[in-house]
Amino acid sequence: QLQLVESGGGLVQPGESLRLSCQASGFRFDDYAIGWFRQAPGEEREGVSCISTRGYNIHYAESVEGRFTISRDNAKNTVYLQMDSLKAEDTATYYCAAGTATVASLCSHPDTYSDYWGQGTLVTVFA
């Protein structure tokens, strides 16, 4: 069964950290770039960060550059998003997606270049 499962979301205060995980199964994980995307209520979906098949190419949105770190462990079929110095504006549902396109293409045009999506995990940052 092809699937991506996100975990690690929760309720934190500004300045705190969370680590999200995206566990894949049912397809050749290391053939796919993986991206993290987020969508807040009433807002458009945003590409947060994407990582290439071997992790050599990485893209971050300007809004998270320097605070978030994406990584992957192909032996565990898992991609991580370490989120530090969280802000209220990071509140959203976070989704991971897999695609065979480049990192830049996946992050900027996920509807075109993604093949699989997870169900999402909610991150809430409140004071």
PDB file of N, CA and C in Angstrom:
ATOM      1  N   GLN A   1       0.843  -1.180   0.000  1.00  0.00           N
ATOM      2  CA  GLN A   1       0.000   0.000   0.000  1.00  0.00           C
ATOM      3  C   GLN A   1       0.886   1.241   0.000  1.00  0.00           C
ATOM      4  N   LEU A   2       0.651   2.124  -0.988  1.00  0.00           N
ATOM      5  CA  LEU A   2       1.442   3.337  -1.095  1.00  0.00           C
ATOM      6  C   LEU A   2       0.960   4.352  -0.084  1.00  0.00           C
ATOM      7  N   GLN A   3       1.852   4.849   0.761  1.00  0.00           N
ATOM      8  CA  GLN A   3       1.420   5.878   1.668  1.00  0.00           C
ATOM      9  C   GLN A   3       2.582   6.666   2.268  1.00  0.00           C
ATOM     10  N   LEU A   4       2.240   7.892   2.674  1.00  0.00           N
ATOM     11  CA  LEU A   4       3.114   8.748   3.444  1.00  0.00           C
ATOM     12  C   LEU A   4       2.367   9.082   4.722  1.00  0.00           C
ATOM     13  N   VAL A   5       3.039   8.948   5.848  1.00  0.00           N
ATOM     14  CA  VAL A   5       2.397   9.221   7.129  1.00  0.00           C
ATOM     15  C   VAL A   5       3.233  10.223   7.900  1.00  0.00           C
ATOM     16  N   GLU A   6       2.630  11.384   8.180  1.00  0.00           N
ATOM     17  CA  GLU A   6       3.309  12.409   8.961  1.00  0.00           C
ATOM     18  C   GLU A   6       3.030  12.209  10.446  1.00  0.00           C
ATOM     19  N   SER A   7       3.989  12.616  11.258  1.00  0.00           N
ATOM     20  CA  SER A   7       3.809  12.602  12.704  1.00  0.00           C
ATOM     21  C   SER A   7       4.691  13.670  13.324  1.00  0.00           C
ATOM     22  N   GLY A   8       4.442  13.949  14.595  1.00  0.00           N
ATOM     23  CA  GLY A   8       5.293  14.876  15.321  1.00  0.00           C
ATOM     24  C   GLY A   8       4.700  16.246  15.571  1.00  0.00           C
ATOM     25  N   GLY A   9       3.520  16.496  15.022  1.00  0.00           N
ATOM     26  CA  GLY A   9       2.890  17.782  15.275  1.00  0.00           C
ATOM     27  C   GLY A   9       2.446  17.914  16.717  1.00  0.00           C
ATOM     28  N   GLY A  10       2.090  19.124  17.100  1.00  0.00           N
ATOM     29  CA  GLY A  10       1.624  19.339  18.458  1.00  0.00           C
ATOM     30  C   GLY A  10       1.429  20.793  18.765  1.00  0.00           C
ATOM     31  N   LEU A  11       1.272  21.049  20.065  1.00  0.00           N
ATOM     32  CA  LEU A  11       1.005  22.388  20.578  1.00  0.00           C
ATOM     33  C   LEU A  11       2.240  22.864  21.328  1.00  0.00           C
ATOM     34  N   VAL A  12       2.845  23.965  20.872  1.00  0.00           N
ATOM     35  CA  VAL A  12       4.049  24.492  21.515  1.00  0.00           C
ATOM     36  C   VAL A  12       3.942  26.005  21.650  1.00  0.00           C
ATOM     37  N   GLN A  13       4.833  26.557  22.442  1.00  0.00           N
ATOM     38  CA  GLN A  13       4.895  28.008  22.611  1.00  0.00           C
ATOM     39  C   GLN A  13       5.942  28.604  21.674  1.00  0.00           C
ATOM     40  N   PRO A  14       5.839  29.872  21.370  1.00  0.00           N
ATOM     41  CA  PRO A  14       6.853  30.516  20.515  1.00  0.00           C
ATOM     42  C   PRO A  14       8.253  30.303  21.067  1.00  0.00           C
ATOM     43  N   GLY A  15       9.184  30.031  20.152  1.00  0.00           N
ATOM     44  CA  GLY A  15      10.559  29.801  20.546  1.00  0.00           C
ATOM     45  C   GLY A  15      10.904  28.340  20.770  1.00  0.00           C
ATOM     46  N   GLU A  16       9.890  27.514  20.892  1.00  0.00           N
ATOM     47  CA  GLU A  16      10.135  26.088  21.116  1.00  0.00           C
ATOM     48  C   GLU A  16      10.363  25.360  19.797  1.00  0.00           C
ATOM     49  N   SER A  17      10.627  24.054  19.908  1.00  0.00           N
ATOM     50  CA  SER A  17      10.967  23.246  18.740  1.00  0.00           C
ATOM     51  C   SER A  17      10.041  22.042  18.607  1.00  0.00           C
ATOM     52  N   LEU A  18       9.936  21.572  17.383  1.00  0.00           N
ATOM     53  CA  LEU A  18       9.260  20.320  17.074  1.00  0.00           C
ATOM     54  C   LEU A  18      10.025  19.635  15.956  1.00  0.00           C
ATOM     55  N   ARG A  19       9.942  18.310  15.917  1.00  0.00           N
ATOM     56  CA  ARG A  19      10.500  17.576  14.789  1.00  0.00           C
ATOM     57  C   ARG A  19       9.390  16.748  14.160  1.00  0.00           C
ATOM     58  N   LEU A  20       9.124  17.026  12.902  1.00  0.00           N
ATOM     59  CA  LEU A  20       8.130  16.264  12.159  1.00  0.00           C
ATOM     60  C   LEU A  20       8.814  15.119  11.426  1.00  0.00           C
ATOM     61  N   SER A  21       8.078  14.021  11.272  1.00  0.00           N
ATOM     62  CA  SER A  21       8.564  12.873  10.523  1.00  0.00           C
ATOM     63  C   SER A  21       7.569  12.533   9.421  1.00  0.00           C
ATOM     64  N   CYS A  22       8.114  12.072   8.316  1.00  0.00           N
ATOM     65  CA  CYS A  22       7.297  11.625   7.183  1.00  0.00           C
ATOM     66  C   CYS A  22       7.783  10.212   6.832  1.00  0.00           C
ATOM     67  N   GLN A  23       6.975   9.234   7.183  1.00  0.00           N
ATOM     68  CA  GLN A  23       7.341   7.830   6.972  1.00  0.00           C
ATOM     69  C   GLN A  23       6.670   7.335   5.699  1.00  0.00           C
ATOM     70  N   ALA A  24       7.466   6.767   4.792  1.00  0.00           N
ATOM     71  CA  ALA A  24       6.942   6.297   3.516  1.00  0.00           C
ATOM     72  C   ALA A  24       6.911   4.781   3.459  1.00  0.00           C
ATOM     73  N   SER A  25       5.984   4.256   2.673  1.00  0.00           N
ATOM     74  CA  SER A  25       5.923   2.817   2.447  1.00  0.00           C
ATOM     75  C   SER A  25       5.236   2.557   1.119  1.00  0.00           C
ATOM     76  N   GLY A  26       5.560   1.421   0.526  1.00  0.00           N
ATOM     77  CA  GLY A  26       4.873   0.995  -0.686  1.00  0.00           C
ATOM     78  C   GLY A  26       5.463   1.480  -1.988  1.00  0.00           C
ATOM     79  N   PHE A  27       6.567   2.239  -1.932  1.00  0.00           N
ATOM     80  CA  PHE A  27       7.224   2.660  -3.172  1.00  0.00           C
ATOM     81  C   PHE A  27       8.720   2.817  -2.899  1.00  0.00           C
ATOM     82  N   ARG A  28       9.492   2.955  -3.965  1.00  0.00           N
ATOM     83  CA  ARG A  28      10.942   3.079  -3.828  1.00  0.00           C
ATOM     84  C   ARG A  28      11.267   4.489  -3.328  1.00  0.00           C
ATOM     85  N   PHE A  29      11.387   4.602  -2.029  1.00  0.00           N
ATOM     86  CA  PHE A  29      11.529   5.896  -1.376  1.00  0.00           C
ATOM     87  C   PHE A  29      12.707   6.685  -1.914  1.00  0.00           C
ATOM     88  N   ASP A  30      13.831   6.020  -2.126  1.00  0.00           N
ATOM     89  CA  ASP A  30      15.027   6.767  -2.514  1.00  0.00           C
ATOM     90  C   ASP A  30      15.038   7.154  -3.990  1.00  0.00           C
ATOM     91  N   ASP A  31      13.959   6.891  -4.699  1.00  0.00           N
ATOM     92  CA  ASP A  31      13.800   7.408  -6.061  1.00  0.00           C
ATOM     93  C   ASP A  31      13.054   8.736  -6.091  1.00  0.00           C
ATOM     94  N   TYR A  32      12.609   9.199  -4.924  1.00  0.00           N
ATOM     95  CA  TYR A  32      11.725  10.353  -4.853  1.00  0.00           C
ATOM     96  C   TYR A  32      12.314  11.501  -4.045  1.00  0.00           C
ATOM     97  N   ALA A  33      12.164  12.702  -4.582  1.00  0.00           N
ATOM     98  CA  ALA A  33      12.345  13.889  -3.760  1.00  0.00           C
ATOM     99  C   ALA A  33      11.135  14.004  -2.836  1.00  0.00           C
ATOM    100  N   ILE A  34      11.376  14.564  -1.666  1.00  0.00           N
ATOM    101  CA  ILE A  34      10.310  14.720  -0.675  1.00  0.00           C
ATOM    102  C   ILE A  34      10.208  16.184  -0.278  1.00  0.00           C
ATOM    103  N   GLY A  35       8.985  16.645  -0.165  1.00  0.00           N
ATOM    104  CA  GLY A  35       8.782  18.021   0.255  1.00  0.00           C
ATOM    105  C   GLY A  35       7.852  18.112   1.443  1.00  0.00           C
ATOM    106  N   TRP A  36       8.059  19.167   2.236  1.00  0.00           N
ATOM    107  CA  TRP A  36       7.136  19.523   3.306  1.00  0.00           C
ATOM    108  C   TRP A  36       6.380  20.773   2.866  1.00  0.00           C
ATOM    109  N   PHE A  37       5.088  20.734   3.069  1.00  0.00           N
ATOM    110  CA  PHE A  37       4.210  21.838   2.709  1.00  0.00           C
ATOM    111  C   PHE A  37       3.312  22.137   3.907  1.00  0.00           C
ATOM    112  N   ARG A  38       2.797  23.346   3.963  1.00  0.00           N
ATOM    113  CA  ARG A  38       1.904  23.663   5.077  1.00  0.00           C
ATOM    114  C   ARG A  38       0.754  24.528   4.589  1.00  0.00           C
ATOM    115  N   GLN A  39      -0.343  24.421   5.296  1.00  0.00           N
ATOM    116  CA  GLN A  39      -1.499  25.232   4.967  1.00  0.00           C
ATOM    117  C   GLN A  39      -2.208  25.638   6.250  1.00  0.00           C
ATOM    118  N   ALA A  40      -2.314  26.931   6.429  1.00  0.00           N
ATOM    119  CA  ALA A  40      -3.042  27.478   7.571  1.00  0.00           C
ATOM    120  C   ALA A  40      -4.480  27.755   7.143  1.00  0.00           C
ATOM    121  N   PRO A  41      -5.400  27.791   8.082  1.00  0.00           N
ATOM    122  CA  PRO A  41      -6.807  28.066   7.745  1.00  0.00           C
ATOM    123  C   PRO A  41      -6.951  29.382   6.983  1.00  0.00           C
ATOM    124  N   GLY A  42      -7.631  29.320   5.848  1.00  0.00           N
ATOM    125  CA  GLY A  42      -7.852  30.517   5.056  1.00  0.00           C
ATOM    126  C   GLY A  42      -6.672  30.970   4.233  1.00  0.00           C
ATOM    127  N   GLU A  43      -5.585  30.208   4.272  1.00  0.00           N
ATOM    128  CA  GLU A  43      -4.381  30.584   3.540  1.00  0.00           C
ATOM    129  C   GLU A  43      -4.101  29.574   2.425  1.00  0.00           C
ATOM    130  N   GLU A  44      -3.278  29.996   1.479  1.00  0.00           N
ATOM    131  CA  GLU A  44      -2.848  29.080   0.424  1.00  0.00           C
ATOM    132  C   GLU A  44      -1.760  28.153   0.955  1.00  0.00           C
ATOM    133  N   ARG A  45      -1.666  27.012   0.338  1.00  0.00           N
ATOM    134  CA  ARG A  45      -0.612  26.076   0.711  1.00  0.00           C
ATOM    135  C   ARG A  45       0.758  26.657   0.353  1.00  0.00           C
ATOM    136  N   GLU A  46       1.728  26.418   1.206  1.00  0.00           N
ATOM    137  CA  GLU A  46       3.075  26.954   1.025  1.00  0.00           C
ATOM    138  C   GLU A  46       4.084  25.818   1.024  1.00  0.00           C
ATOM    139  N   GLY A  47       5.022  25.871   0.096  1.00  0.00           N
ATOM    140  CA  GLY A  47       6.133  24.935   0.107  1.00  0.00           C
ATOM    141  C   GLY A  47       7.131  25.354   1.169  1.00  0.00           C
ATOM    142  N   VAL A  48       7.369  24.509   2.142  1.00  0.00           N
ATOM    143  CA  VAL A  48       8.248  24.837   3.263  1.00  0.00           C
ATOM    144  C   VAL A  48       9.693  24.443   2.965  1.00  0.00           C
ATOM    145  N   SER A  49       9.877  23.193   2.580  1.00  0.00           N
ATOM    146  CA  SER A  49      11.220  22.701   2.315  1.00  0.00           C
ATOM    147  C   SER A  49      11.125  21.422   1.505  1.00  0.00           C
ATOM    148  N   CYS A  50      12.108  21.222   0.637  1.00  0.00           N
ATOM    149  CA  CYS A  50      12.155  20.012  -0.178  1.00  0.00           C
ATOM    150  C   CYS A  50      13.584  19.486  -0.205  1.00  0.00           C
ATOM    151  N   ILE A  51      13.706  18.172  -0.330  1.00  0.00           N
ATOM    152  CA  ILE A  51      15.016  17.530  -0.316  1.00  0.00           C
ATOM    153  C   ILE A  51      15.087  16.507  -1.437  1.00  0.00           C
ATOM    154  N   SER A  52      16.239  16.438  -2.100  1.00  0.00           N
ATOM    155  CA  SER A  52      16.405  15.531  -3.220  1.00  0.00           C
ATOM    156  C   SER A  52      16.585  14.097  -2.736  1.00  0.00           C
ATOM    157  N   THR A  53      16.690  13.177  -3.699  1.00  0.00           N
ATOM    158  CA  THR A  53      16.692  11.749  -3.374  1.00  0.00           C
ATOM    159  C   THR A  53      17.810  11.343  -2.419  1.00  0.00           C
ATOM    160  N   ARG A  54      18.974  11.932  -2.592  1.00  0.00           N
ATOM    161  CA  ARG A  54      20.111  11.575  -1.729  1.00  0.00           C
ATOM    162  C   ARG A  54      20.399  12.667  -0.701  1.00  0.00           C
ATOM    163  N   GLY A  55      19.608  13.731  -0.727  1.00  0.00           N
ATOM    164  CA  GLY A  55      19.787  14.801   0.245  1.00  0.00           C
ATOM    165  C   GLY A  55      20.792  15.853  -0.154  1.00  0.00           C
ATOM    166  N   TYR A  56      21.280  15.806  -1.386  1.00  0.00           N
ATOM    167  CA  TYR A  56      22.321  16.753  -1.787  1.00  0.00           C
ATOM    168  C   TYR A  56      21.754  18.127  -2.138  1.00  0.00           C
ATOM    169  N   ASN A  57      20.522  18.144  -2.587  1.00  0.00           N
ATOM    170  CA  ASN A  57      19.886  19.419  -2.940  1.00  0.00           C
ATOM    171  C   ASN A  57      18.719  19.670  -1.999  1.00  0.00           C
ATOM    172  N   ILE A  58      18.706  20.871  -1.443  1.00  0.00           N
ATOM    173  CA  ILE A  58      17.689  21.241  -0.463  1.00  0.00           C
ATOM    174  C   ILE A  58      17.199  22.647  -0.772  1.00  0.00           C
ATOM    175  N   HIS A  59      15.907  22.816  -0.613  1.00  0.00           N
ATOM    176  CA  HIS A  59      15.297  24.137  -0.791  1.00  0.00           C
ATOM    177  C   HIS A  59      14.512  24.481   0.476  1.00  0.00           C
ATOM    178  N   TYR A  60      14.608  25.754   0.874  1.00  0.00           N
ATOM    179  CA  TYR A  60      13.806  26.258   1.997  1.00  0.00           C
ATOM    180  C   TYR A  60      13.045  27.493   1.558  1.00  0.00           C
ATOM    181  N   ALA A  61      11.837  27.629   2.059  1.00  0.00           N
ATOM    182  CA  ALA A  61      11.125  28.885   1.887  1.00  0.00           C
ATOM    183  C   ALA A  61      11.825  29.960   2.717  1.00  0.00           C
ATOM    184  N   GLU A  62      11.765  31.194   2.242  1.00  0.00           N
ATOM    185  CA  GLU A  62      12.413  32.288   2.966  1.00  0.00           C
ATOM    186  C   GLU A  62      11.886  32.403   4.388  1.00  0.00           C
ATOM    187  N   SER A  63      10.623  32.105   4.576  1.00  0.00           N
ATOM    188  CA  SER A  63       9.998  32.277   5.885  1.00  0.00           C
ATOM    189  C   SER A  63      10.540  31.320   6.947  1.00  0.00           C
ATOM    190  N   VAL A  64      11.219  30.243   6.519  1.00  0.00           N
ATOM    191  CA  VAL A  64      11.715  29.266   7.488  1.00  0.00           C
ATOM    192  C   VAL A  64      13.227  29.108   7.427  1.00  0.00           C
ATOM    193  N   GLU A  65      13.882  29.751   6.461  1.00  0.00           N
ATOM    194  CA  GLU A  65      15.327  29.645   6.293  1.00  0.00           C
ATOM    195  C   GLU A  65      16.027  30.009   7.595  1.00  0.00           C
ATOM    196  N   GLY A  66      16.942  29.132   8.025  1.00  0.00           N
ATOM    197  CA  GLY A  66      17.694  29.385   9.257  1.00  0.00           C
ATOM    198  C   GLY A  66      17.012  28.872  10.511  1.00  0.00           C
ATOM    199  N   ARG A  67      15.750  28.514  10.418  1.00  0.00           N
ATOM    200  CA  ARG A  67      15.028  27.986  11.587  1.00  0.00           C
ATOM    201  C   ARG A  67      14.653  26.514  11.419  1.00  0.00           C
ATOM    202  N   PHE A  68      14.366  26.109  10.197  1.00  0.00           N
ATOM    203  CA  PHE A  68      13.952  24.732   9.916  1.00  0.00           C
ATOM    204  C   PHE A  68      15.089  23.998   9.210  1.00  0.00           C
ATOM    205  N   THR A  69      15.178  22.686   9.468  1.00  0.00           N
ATOM    206  CA  THR A  69      16.180  21.848   8.819  1.00  0.00           C
ATOM    207  C   THR A  69      15.517  20.565   8.337  1.00  0.00           C
ATOM    208  N   ILE A  70      15.659  20.298   7.052  1.00  0.00           N
ATOM    209  CA  ILE A  70      15.115  19.066   6.495  1.00  0.00           C
ATOM    210  C   ILE A  70      16.241  18.050   6.350  1.00  0.00           C
ATOM    211  N   SER A  71      15.905  16.786   6.565  1.00  0.00           N
ATOM    212  CA  SER A  71      16.884  15.712   6.386  1.00  0.00           C
ATOM    213  C   SER A  71      16.125  14.442   6.035  1.00  0.00           C
ATOM    214  N   ARG A  72      16.864  13.461   5.561  1.00  0.00           N
ATOM    215  CA  ARG A  72      16.225  12.197   5.237  1.00  0.00           C
ATOM    216  C   ARG A  72      17.126  11.035   5.593  1.00  0.00           C
ATOM    217  N   ASP A  73      16.502   9.914   5.934  1.00  0.00           N
ATOM    218  CA  ASP A  73      17.201   8.671   6.220  1.00  0.00           C
ATOM    219  C   ASP A  73      16.589   7.630   5.293  1.00  0.00           C
ATOM    220  N   ASN A  74      17.248   7.367   4.182  1.00  0.00           N
ATOM    221  CA  ASN A  74      16.686   6.441   3.201  1.00  0.00           C
ATOM    222  C   ASN A  74      16.603   5.018   3.730  1.00  0.00           C
ATOM    223  N   ALA A  75      17.457   4.663   4.684  1.00  0.00           N
ATOM    224  CA  ALA A  75      17.392   3.320   5.277  1.00  0.00           C
ATOM    225  C   ALA A  75      16.107   3.138   6.077  1.00  0.00           C
ATOM    226  N   LYS A  76      15.543   4.250   6.557  1.00  0.00           N
ATOM    227  CA  LYS A  76      14.317   4.193   7.343  1.00  0.00           C
ATOM    228  C   LYS A  76      13.103   4.703   6.567  1.00  0.00           C
ATOM    229  N   ASN A  77      13.315   5.041   5.295  1.00  0.00           N
ATOM    230  CA  ASN A  77      12.214   5.572   4.467  1.00  0.00           C
ATOM    231  C   ASN A  77      11.538   6.752   5.140  1.00  0.00           C
ATOM    232  N   THR A  78      12.338   7.635   5.708  1.00  0.00           N
ATOM    233  CA  THR A  78      11.783   8.725   6.502  1.00  0.00           C
ATOM    234  C   THR A  78      12.472  10.046   6.184  1.00  0.00           C
ATOM    235  N   VAL A  79      11.679  11.095   6.109  1.00  0.00           N
ATOM    236  CA  VAL A  79      12.180  12.461   6.005  1.00  0.00           C
ATOM    237  C   VAL A  79      11.754  13.209   7.258  1.00  0.00           C
ATOM    238  N   TYR A  80      12.646  14.035   7.761  1.00  0.00           N
ATOM    239  CA  TYR A  80      12.403  14.796   8.977  1.00  0.00           C
ATOM    240  C   TYR A  80      12.372  16.286   8.680  1.00  0.00           C
ATOM    241  N   LEU A  81      11.640  17.013   9.481  1.00  0.00           N
ATOM    242  CA  LEU A  81      11.679  18.470   9.443  1.00  0.00           C
ATOM    243  C   LEU A  81      11.867  18.952  10.873  1.00  0.00           C
ATOM    244  N   GLN A  82      13.075  19.385  11.182  1.00  0.00           N
ATOM    245  CA  GLN A  82      13.371  19.949  12.490  1.00  0.00           C
ATOM    246  C   GLN A  82      12.982  21.418  12.469  1.00  0.00           C
ATOM    247  N   MET A  83      12.085  21.793  13.337  1.00  0.00           N
ATOM    248  CA  MET A  83      11.583  23.163  13.370  1.00  0.00           C
ATOM    249  C   MET A  83      11.976  23.809  14.683  1.00  0.00           C
ATOM    250  N   ASP A  84      12.856  24.778  14.620  1.00  0.00           N
ATOM    251  CA  ASP A  84      13.324  25.498  15.794  1.00  0.00           C
ATOM    252  C   ASP A  84      12.811  26.935  15.766  1.00  0.00           C
ATOM    253  N   SER A  85      12.878  27.572  16.922  1.00  0.00           N
ATOM    254  CA  SER A  85      12.449  28.974  17.041  1.00  0.00           C
ATOM    255  C   SER A  85      11.077  29.184  16.404  1.00  0.00           C
ATOM    256  N   LEU A  86      10.161  28.348  16.771  1.00  0.00           N
ATOM    257  CA  LEU A  86       8.836  28.409  16.163  1.00  0.00           C
ATOM    258  C   LEU A  86       8.128  29.717  16.493  1.00  0.00           C
ATOM    259  N   LYS A  87       7.349  30.193  15.522  1.00  0.00           N
ATOM    260  CA  LYS A  87       6.595  31.431  15.650  1.00  0.00           C
ATOM    261  C   LYS A  87       5.111  31.126  15.471  1.00  0.00           C
ATOM    262  N   ALA A  88       4.296  32.055  15.925  1.00  0.00           N
ATOM    263  CA  ALA A  88       2.855  31.873  15.784  1.00  0.00           C
ATOM    264  C   ALA A  88       2.466  31.679  14.321  1.00  0.00           C
ATOM    265  N   GLU A  89       3.165  32.352  13.419  1.00  0.00           N
ATOM    266  CA  GLU A  89       2.832  32.244  11.997  1.00  0.00           C
ATOM    267  C   GLU A  89       3.227  30.903  11.380  1.00  0.00           C
ATOM    268  N   ASP A  90       3.900  30.045  12.142  1.00  0.00           N
ATOM    269  CA  ASP A  90       4.193  28.692  11.662  1.00  0.00           C
ATOM    270  C   ASP A  90       3.015  27.749  11.897  1.00  0.00           C
ATOM    271  N   THR A  91       2.000  28.216  12.586  1.00  0.00           N
ATOM    272  CA  THR A  91       0.824  27.397  12.840  1.00  0.00           C
ATOM    273  C   THR A  91       0.155  26.999  11.538  1.00  0.00           C
ATOM    274  N   ALA A  92      -0.003  25.697  11.329  1.00  0.00           N
ATOM    275  CA  ALA A  92      -0.573  25.175  10.091  1.00  0.00           C
ATOM    276  C   ALA A  92      -0.646  23.660  10.181  1.00  0.00           C
ATOM    277  N   THR A  93      -1.339  23.075   9.211  1.00  0.00           N
ATOM    278  CA  THR A  93      -1.228  21.641   9.010  1.00  0.00           C
ATOM    279  C   THR A  93      -0.086  21.401   8.038  1.00  0.00           C
ATOM    280  N   TYR A  94       0.807  20.518   8.416  1.00  0.00           N
ATOM    281  CA  TYR A  94       2.001  20.229   7.630  1.00  0.00           C
ATOM    282  C   TYR A  94       1.824  18.890   6.921  1.00  0.00           C
ATOM    283  N   TYR A  95       2.109  18.905   5.629  1.00  0.00           N
ATOM    284  CA  TYR A  95       1.979  17.730   4.792  1.00  0.00           C
ATOM    285  C   TYR A  95       3.325  17.407   4.155  1.00  0.00           C
ATOM    286  N   CYS A  96       3.579  16.123   3.931  1.00  0.00           N
ATOM    287  CA  CYS A  96       4.717  15.758   3.105  1.00  0.00           C
ATOM    288  C   CYS A  96       4.198  15.168   1.794  1.00  0.00           C
ATOM    289  N   ALA A  97       5.018  15.323   0.783  1.00  0.00           N
ATOM    290  CA  ALA A  97       4.670  14.835  -0.547  1.00  0.00           C
ATOM    291  C   ALA A  97       5.912  14.302  -1.229  1.00  0.00           C
ATOM    292  N   ALA A  98       5.722  13.352  -2.111  1.00  0.00           N
ATOM    293  CA  ALA A  98       6.823  12.729  -2.843  1.00  0.00           C
ATOM    294  C   ALA A  98       6.643  12.952  -4.327  1.00  0.00           C
ATOM    295  N   GLY A  99       7.738  13.213  -5.001  1.00  0.00           N
ATOM    296  CA  GLY A  99       7.701  13.388  -6.446  1.00  0.00           C
ATOM    297  C   GLY A  99       9.052  13.080  -7.053  1.00  0.00           C
ATOM    298  N   THR A 100       9.066  12.794  -8.343  1.00  0.00           N
ATOM    299  CA  THR A 100      10.319  12.451  -9.016  1.00  0.00           C
ATOM    300  C   THR A 100      10.934  13.648  -9.723  1.00  0.00           C
ATOM    301  N   ALA A 101      10.370  14.825  -9.499  1.00  0.00           N
ATOM    302  CA  ALA A 101      10.905  16.029 -10.124  1.00  0.00           C
ATOM    303  C   ALA A 101      12.087  16.565  -9.311  1.00  0.00           C
ATOM    304  N   THR A 102      12.636  17.677  -9.793  1.00  0.00           N
ATOM    305  CA  THR A 102      13.701  18.340  -9.041  1.00  0.00           C
ATOM    306  C   THR A 102      13.125  18.966  -7.775  1.00  0.00           C
ATOM    307  N   VAL A 103      14.003  19.297  -6.870  1.00  0.00           N
ATOM    308  CA  VAL A 103      13.600  19.936  -5.624  1.00  0.00           C
ATOM    309  C   VAL A 103      12.880  21.248  -5.900  1.00  0.00           C
ATOM    310  N   ALA A 104      13.431  22.030  -6.798  1.00  0.00           N
ATOM    311  CA  ALA A 104      12.837  23.327  -7.103  1.00  0.00           C
ATOM    312  C   ALA A 104      11.444  23.172  -7.689  1.00  0.00           C
ATOM    313  N   SER A 105      11.281  22.222  -8.580  1.00  0.00           N
ATOM    314  CA  SER A 105       9.969  22.000  -9.207  1.00  0.00           C
ATOM    315  C   SER A 105       8.963  21.497  -8.194  1.00  0.00           C
ATOM    316  N   LEU A 106       9.355  20.532  -7.367  1.00  0.00           N
ATOM    317  CA  LEU A 106       8.434  19.975  -6.386  1.00  0.00           C
ATOM    318  C   LEU A 106       7.974  21.040  -5.401  1.00  0.00           C
ATOM    319  N   CYS A 107       8.899  21.850  -4.935  1.00  0.00           N
ATOM    320  CA  CYS A 107       8.552  22.847  -3.928  1.00  0.00           C
ATOM    321  C   CYS A 107       7.690  23.973  -4.494  1.00  0.00           C
ATOM    322  N   SER A 108       7.928  24.332  -5.741  1.00  0.00           N
ATOM    323  CA  SER A 108       7.204  25.475  -6.309  1.00  0.00           C
ATOM    324  C   SER A 108       5.901  25.084  -7.001  1.00  0.00           C
ATOM    325  N   HIS A 109       5.827  23.857  -7.496  1.00  0.00           N
ATOM    326  CA  HIS A 109       4.618  23.409  -8.199  1.00  0.00           C
ATOM    327  C   HIS A 109       4.234  22.008  -7.739  1.00  0.00           C
ATOM    328  N   PRO A 110       3.875  21.853  -6.483  1.00  0.00           N
ATOM    329  CA  PRO A 110       3.597  20.508  -5.964  1.00  0.00           C
ATOM    330  C   PRO A 110       2.420  19.829  -6.639  1.00  0.00           C
ATOM    331  N   ASP A 111       1.421  20.561  -7.038  1.00  0.00           N
ATOM    332  CA  ASP A 111       0.270  19.908  -7.678  1.00  0.00           C
ATOM    333  C   ASP A 111       0.667  19.245  -8.981  1.00  0.00           C
ATOM    334  N   THR A 112       1.646  19.834  -9.664  1.00  0.00           N
ATOM    335  CA  THR A 112       2.097  19.281 -10.943  1.00  0.00           C
ATOM    336  C   THR A 112       3.089  18.151 -10.749  1.00  0.00           C
ATOM    337  N   TYR A 113       3.976  18.308  -9.776  1.00  0.00           N
ATOM    338  CA  TYR A 113       5.131  17.419  -9.691  1.00  0.00           C
ATOM    339  C   TYR A 113       5.090  16.411  -8.546  1.00  0.00           C
ATOM    340  N   SER A 114       4.034  16.362  -7.772  1.00  0.00           N
ATOM    341  CA  SER A 114       3.955  15.379  -6.695  1.00  0.00           C
ATOM    342  C   SER A 114       3.180  14.150  -7.148  1.00  0.00           C
ATOM    343  N   ASP A 115       3.543  13.020  -6.570  1.00  0.00           N
ATOM    344  CA  ASP A 115       2.847  11.759  -6.862  1.00  0.00           C
ATOM    345  C   ASP A 115       2.056  11.252  -5.667  1.00  0.00           C
ATOM    346  N   TYR A 116       2.574  11.487  -4.467  1.00  0.00           N
ATOM    347  CA  TYR A 116       1.921  10.982  -3.260  1.00  0.00           C
ATOM    348  C   TYR A 116       1.906  12.079  -2.197  1.00  0.00           C
ATOM    349  N   TRP A 117       0.857  12.040  -1.395  1.00  0.00           N
ATOM    350  CA  TRP A 117       0.699  12.991  -0.292  1.00  0.00           C
ATOM    351  C   TRP A 117       0.310  12.252   0.981  1.00  0.00           C
ATOM    352  N   GLY A 118       0.756  12.809   2.102  1.00  0.00           N
ATOM    353  CA  GLY A 118       0.297  12.324   3.378  1.00  0.00           C
ATOM    354  C   GLY A 118      -0.973  13.042   3.811  1.00  0.00           C
ATOM    355  N   GLN A 119      -1.472  12.660   4.989  1.00  0.00           N
ATOM    356  CA  GLN A 119      -2.719  13.220   5.501  1.00  0.00           C
ATOM    357  C   GLN A 119      -2.514  14.482   6.332  1.00  0.00           C
ATOM    358  N   GLY A 120      -1.293  14.730   6.725  1.00  0.00           N
ATOM    359  CA  GLY A 120      -0.997  15.955   7.453  1.00  0.00           C
ATOM    360  C   GLY A 120      -0.884  15.769   8.952  1.00  0.00           C
ATOM    361  N   THR A 121      -0.147  16.689   9.574  1.00  0.00           N
ATOM    362  CA  THR A 121      -0.027  16.742  11.020  1.00  0.00           C
ATOM    363  C   THR A 121      -0.113  18.213  11.437  1.00  0.00           C
ATOM    364  N   LEU A 122      -0.873  18.479  12.483  1.00  0.00           N
ATOM    365  CA  LEU A 122      -1.152  19.852  12.885  1.00  0.00           C
ATOM    366  C   LEU A 122      -0.089  20.380  13.839  1.00  0.00           C
ATOM    367  N   VAL A 123       0.407  21.558  13.512  1.00  0.00           N
ATOM    368  CA  VAL A 123       1.346  22.276  14.370  1.00  0.00           C
ATOM    369  C   VAL A 123       0.671  23.573  14.818  1.00  0.00           C
ATOM    370  N   THR A 124       0.604  23.768  16.120  1.00  0.00           N
ATOM    371  CA  THR A 124       0.010  24.983  16.677  1.00  0.00           C
ATOM    372  C   THR A 124       1.023  25.642  17.589  1.00  0.00           C
ATOM    373  N   VAL A 125       1.325  26.902  17.288  1.00  0.00           N
ATOM    374  CA  VAL A 125       2.261  27.680  18.089  1.00  0.00           C
ATOM    375  C   VAL A 125       1.482  28.837  18.707  1.00  0.00           C
ATOM    376  N   PHE A 126       1.402  28.841  20.028  1.00  0.00           N
ATOM    377  CA  PHE A 126       0.599  29.873  20.680  1.00  0.00           C
ATOM    378  C   PHE A 126       1.329  30.400  21.901  1.00  0.00           C
ATOM    379  N   ALA A 127       1.032  31.635  22.218  1.00  0.00           N
ATOM    380  CA  ALA A 127       1.651  32.252  23.400  1.00  0.00           C
ATOM    381  C   ALA A 127       0.825  31.971  24.638  1.00  0.00           C
TER     382      ALA A 127
END
